Protein backbone atom coordinates (compact mmCIF):
# COMPACT_ATOMS: atom_id res chain seq x y z
CA MET A 1 25.13 -5.07 -56.52
CA PRO A 2 25.41 -5.63 -52.70
CA THR A 3 28.04 -8.08 -51.58
CA LYS A 4 27.22 -11.12 -49.47
CA SER A 5 28.85 -9.55 -46.42
CA LEU A 6 26.77 -6.40 -46.83
CA LEU A 7 23.57 -8.40 -47.22
CA LYS A 8 24.44 -10.37 -44.11
CA LYS A 9 25.05 -7.18 -42.17
CA LEU A 10 21.77 -5.64 -43.33
CA LYS A 11 19.90 -8.80 -42.38
CA SER A 12 21.50 -8.76 -38.95
CA ASN A 13 20.59 -5.11 -38.39
CA TRP A 14 17.02 -5.75 -39.57
CA GLN A 15 16.64 -8.64 -37.14
CA LEU A 16 17.95 -6.48 -34.29
CA MET A 17 15.51 -3.68 -35.12
CA LEU A 18 12.64 -6.17 -35.28
CA LEU A 19 13.57 -7.58 -31.89
CA LEU A 20 13.71 -4.12 -30.33
CA LEU A 21 10.33 -3.25 -31.84
CA ILE A 22 8.78 -6.39 -30.37
CA LEU A 23 10.26 -5.71 -26.95
CA CYS A 24 9.14 -2.10 -26.89
CA ASN A 25 5.57 -3.11 -27.67
CA ASN A 26 5.47 -6.00 -25.24
CA PRO A 27 3.58 -4.92 -22.06
CA LEU A 28 5.30 -7.63 -20.05
CA VAL A 29 8.65 -5.94 -20.54
CA HIS A 30 7.35 -2.73 -19.03
CA ALA A 31 5.50 -4.55 -16.25
CA ASP A 32 8.68 -6.27 -15.07
CA ASN A 33 10.15 -2.87 -14.22
CA GLN A 34 7.07 -1.28 -12.68
CA HIS A 35 5.02 -2.33 -9.66
CA THR A 36 2.19 -0.07 -8.54
CA ILE A 37 1.62 0.29 -4.80
CA MET A 38 -1.85 1.32 -3.66
CA VAL A 39 -2.56 2.63 -0.17
CA LEU A 40 -6.15 1.98 0.86
CA GLY A 41 -6.62 4.01 4.00
CA ASP A 42 -8.52 6.57 6.03
CA SER A 43 -7.67 10.07 7.28
CA ILE A 44 -4.26 9.02 8.63
CA SER A 45 -3.11 8.14 5.11
CA ALA A 46 -5.13 10.98 3.54
CA ALA A 47 -2.96 13.45 5.53
CA PHE A 48 -5.82 14.92 7.56
CA GLY A 49 -4.95 18.27 9.13
CA ILE A 50 -1.64 18.68 7.29
CA GLN A 51 -0.51 19.37 3.74
CA ARG A 52 -0.96 16.30 1.54
CA GLU A 53 2.66 16.41 0.40
CA GLN A 54 3.71 16.15 4.06
CA GLY A 55 1.82 12.89 4.50
CA TRP A 56 3.57 9.56 4.90
CA VAL A 57 2.18 8.23 1.61
CA ASN A 58 3.85 11.04 -0.33
CA LEU A 59 7.04 10.48 1.67
CA LEU A 60 6.83 6.82 0.70
CA ASP A 61 6.70 7.73 -2.97
CA GLN A 62 9.81 9.89 -2.60
CA GLN A 63 11.65 7.24 -0.58
CA LEU A 64 11.03 4.49 -3.12
CA LYS A 65 12.28 6.68 -5.96
CA HIS A 66 15.46 7.21 -3.98
CA ASP A 67 15.96 3.61 -2.86
CA TYR A 68 14.98 1.93 -6.14
CA PRO A 69 16.23 4.16 -8.99
CA ASP A 70 16.09 1.32 -11.51
CA THR A 71 12.55 0.16 -10.74
CA LYS A 72 9.37 2.21 -10.85
CA TYR A 73 7.04 1.92 -7.86
CA PRO A 74 4.16 4.33 -8.55
CA VAL A 75 2.28 5.02 -5.32
CA ILE A 76 -1.48 5.49 -5.57
CA ASN A 77 -3.12 7.08 -2.54
CA ALA A 78 -6.69 5.76 -2.49
CA SER A 79 -7.30 6.97 1.06
CA ILE A 80 -10.34 8.98 2.16
CA SER A 81 -10.88 10.73 5.49
CA GLY A 82 -13.59 8.99 7.49
CA GLU A 83 -13.29 5.77 5.51
CA THR A 84 -14.35 2.48 7.08
CA THR A 85 -13.58 -1.08 6.04
CA GLY A 86 -17.12 -1.35 4.67
CA GLY A 87 -16.79 1.81 2.59
CA ALA A 88 -13.41 0.70 1.25
CA LEU A 89 -14.87 -2.68 0.39
CA ARG A 90 -17.38 -1.01 -1.91
CA ARG A 91 -14.67 1.02 -3.63
CA LEU A 92 -11.99 -1.65 -3.90
CA PRO A 93 -13.14 -3.62 -6.98
CA GLN A 94 -13.05 -0.53 -9.18
CA LEU A 95 -9.72 0.58 -7.72
CA LEU A 96 -8.16 -2.80 -8.44
CA THR A 97 -9.41 -2.72 -12.01
CA GLN A 98 -8.27 0.84 -12.56
CA HIS A 99 -4.80 0.72 -11.00
CA LYS A 100 -3.87 -2.99 -11.14
CA PRO A 101 -1.64 -2.71 -8.07
CA ALA A 102 1.11 -5.19 -7.34
CA VAL A 103 0.87 -4.29 -3.64
CA VAL A 104 -2.09 -3.10 -1.57
CA ILE A 105 -1.40 -1.50 1.81
CA ILE A 106 -4.56 -1.68 3.92
CA GLU A 107 -4.63 1.07 6.55
CA LEU A 108 -8.17 0.91 7.86
CA GLY A 109 -10.23 0.14 10.92
CA GLY A 110 -9.80 3.19 13.10
CA ASN A 111 -13.18 4.62 12.13
CA ASP A 112 -14.85 1.22 12.55
CA GLY A 113 -13.54 1.08 16.11
CA LEU A 114 -14.34 4.69 17.00
CA ARG A 115 -17.92 4.14 15.80
CA GLY A 116 -18.22 0.97 17.82
CA TYR A 117 -18.95 -1.30 14.86
CA PRO A 118 -19.46 -4.97 15.81
CA ILE A 119 -16.14 -6.80 15.87
CA THR A 120 -17.50 -9.63 13.74
CA ASN A 121 -18.52 -7.23 10.96
CA PHE A 122 -15.23 -5.36 11.17
CA ARG A 123 -13.19 -8.54 10.98
CA GLN A 124 -15.21 -9.89 8.05
CA SER A 125 -14.80 -6.66 6.07
CA LEU A 126 -11.07 -6.62 6.79
CA GLN A 127 -10.73 -10.18 5.56
CA GLN A 128 -12.79 -9.48 2.43
CA LEU A 129 -10.47 -6.58 1.58
CA VAL A 130 -7.52 -8.95 1.75
CA THR A 131 -9.34 -11.60 -0.28
CA LEU A 132 -10.28 -9.21 -3.10
CA SER A 133 -6.74 -7.85 -3.26
CA GLN A 134 -5.20 -11.30 -3.43
CA GLN A 135 -7.68 -12.41 -6.07
CA ALA A 136 -6.41 -9.48 -8.15
CA ASN A 137 -2.88 -10.90 -7.74
CA ALA A 138 -1.77 -8.14 -5.37
CA ALA A 139 0.44 -8.72 -2.36
CA VAL A 140 -1.10 -7.29 0.81
CA LEU A 141 0.45 -5.41 3.72
CA LEU A 142 -1.85 -4.88 6.68
CA THR A 143 -1.34 -2.11 9.23
CA GLY A 144 -2.78 -2.39 12.71
CA MET A 145 -4.54 0.31 14.69
CA GLN A 146 -5.55 0.76 18.32
CA ILE A 147 -8.47 2.69 19.79
CA PRO A 148 -8.79 4.51 23.15
CA PRO A 149 -9.39 2.31 26.23
CA ASN A 150 -12.68 4.04 27.08
CA TYR A 151 -14.41 1.65 24.65
CA GLY A 152 -13.89 -1.07 27.22
CA PRO A 153 -11.11 -3.65 27.52
CA ARG A 154 -13.02 -6.46 25.81
CA TYR A 155 -13.89 -4.44 22.71
CA THR A 156 -10.50 -2.75 22.37
CA GLN A 157 -8.63 -6.04 22.78
CA GLN A 158 -10.80 -7.85 20.23
CA PHE A 159 -10.50 -4.93 17.84
CA TYR A 160 -6.70 -4.89 17.99
CA ALA A 161 -6.46 -8.68 17.83
CA SER A 162 -8.46 -8.70 14.58
CA TYR A 163 -5.41 -7.44 12.68
CA ALA A 164 -3.10 -10.21 13.88
CA GLU A 165 -5.80 -12.83 13.31
CA THR A 166 -6.37 -11.61 9.76
CA ALA A 167 -2.65 -11.48 9.00
CA GLN A 168 -2.21 -15.01 10.32
CA LEU A 169 -5.24 -16.33 8.44
CA PHE A 170 -3.96 -15.07 5.08
CA ASN A 171 -0.25 -15.38 5.86
CA ILE A 172 0.41 -11.72 5.06
CA PRO A 173 2.81 -9.26 6.73
CA LEU A 174 1.51 -6.98 9.45
CA VAL A 175 2.65 -3.67 10.86
CA PRO A 176 1.39 -4.32 14.42
CA PHE A 177 0.60 -0.67 15.24
CA LEU A 178 0.92 2.07 12.64
CA LEU A 179 1.48 4.77 15.27
CA THR A 180 4.27 3.07 17.22
CA ASP A 181 6.56 5.72 18.78
CA ILE A 182 4.01 8.36 17.83
CA ALA A 183 0.72 8.00 19.73
CA LEU A 184 2.16 8.81 23.17
CA THR A 185 4.96 11.14 22.07
CA PRO A 186 4.41 14.86 22.75
CA GLY A 187 4.19 16.96 19.60
CA LEU A 188 3.50 14.05 17.28
CA MET A 189 -0.30 14.01 17.63
CA GLN A 190 -2.72 16.76 16.65
CA GLY A 191 -5.04 18.35 19.20
CA ASP A 192 -7.75 15.76 18.62
CA GLY A 193 -5.45 13.02 19.90
CA ILE A 194 -6.30 10.89 16.88
CA HIS A 195 -4.38 12.24 13.91
CA PRO A 196 -0.58 12.47 13.71
CA THR A 197 1.14 15.78 13.00
CA ALA A 198 3.38 16.55 10.04
CA ALA A 199 6.37 15.87 12.30
CA ALA A 200 5.10 12.30 12.85
CA GLN A 201 4.89 11.36 9.18
CA PRO A 202 8.53 10.24 8.75
CA GLN A 203 8.07 7.87 11.70
CA ILE A 204 4.92 6.39 10.16
CA LEU A 205 6.94 5.78 7.02
CA GLN A 206 9.65 4.04 9.02
CA ASN A 207 7.03 1.86 10.72
CA VAL A 208 5.78 0.68 7.32
CA LEU A 209 8.94 0.58 5.23
CA PRO A 210 10.65 -2.62 6.49
CA GLN A 211 7.61 -4.82 5.86
CA LEU A 212 6.93 -3.18 2.51
CA LYS A 213 10.52 -3.57 1.32
CA ALA A 214 10.38 -7.27 2.19
CA ILE A 215 7.41 -7.56 -0.19
CA LEU A 216 9.11 -5.55 -2.92
CA ASP A 217 12.23 -7.71 -2.73
CA LYS A 218 10.08 -10.72 -3.58
CA LEU A 219 8.60 -8.97 -6.62
CA ASN A 220 11.99 -8.43 -8.25
């Protein structure tokens, strides 16, 4: 017949096993240690003209694994070459449902500007992307883009200003210009003058990383 001490020990072990079973099956426990990051972008984030693994989004995934070994930050690249804010707006609801990102990086607008889309429409689409992301409880990082001056000073200035206005309106962080230290540097832009080379991708990552890490620090 088991002694009282043995029964007490068995009861204690049983309670410990039950607690571990509950924790392992509790989705909140896993969620606390995993925050999905989704990049919603165009050809610059889709690694146009270079190998996809050379792109800054893939470099971001590698960097986060190195810098945060105890926390998982899966990076989803939902970028499509030629994407506009309007096209992304149609895709975003399903993407949010599917991936449930904790952070959405919006890298869009270049194609809107190059196609001369009305500034009002561009700005509204940009703001709706932020709104949908925030409604899905995702933090948002916005990256700014500039277009060539041949579109006229008024249009180019209003286009670029739309990013800062949107960031201020929603109180979200902004990377002022994604291609800082790249756009005018020899060897860092492809022949079309629009897309960065493979050599430019680490700099794009460095342009994004400080603002993103500030967001991630708040999640933990």
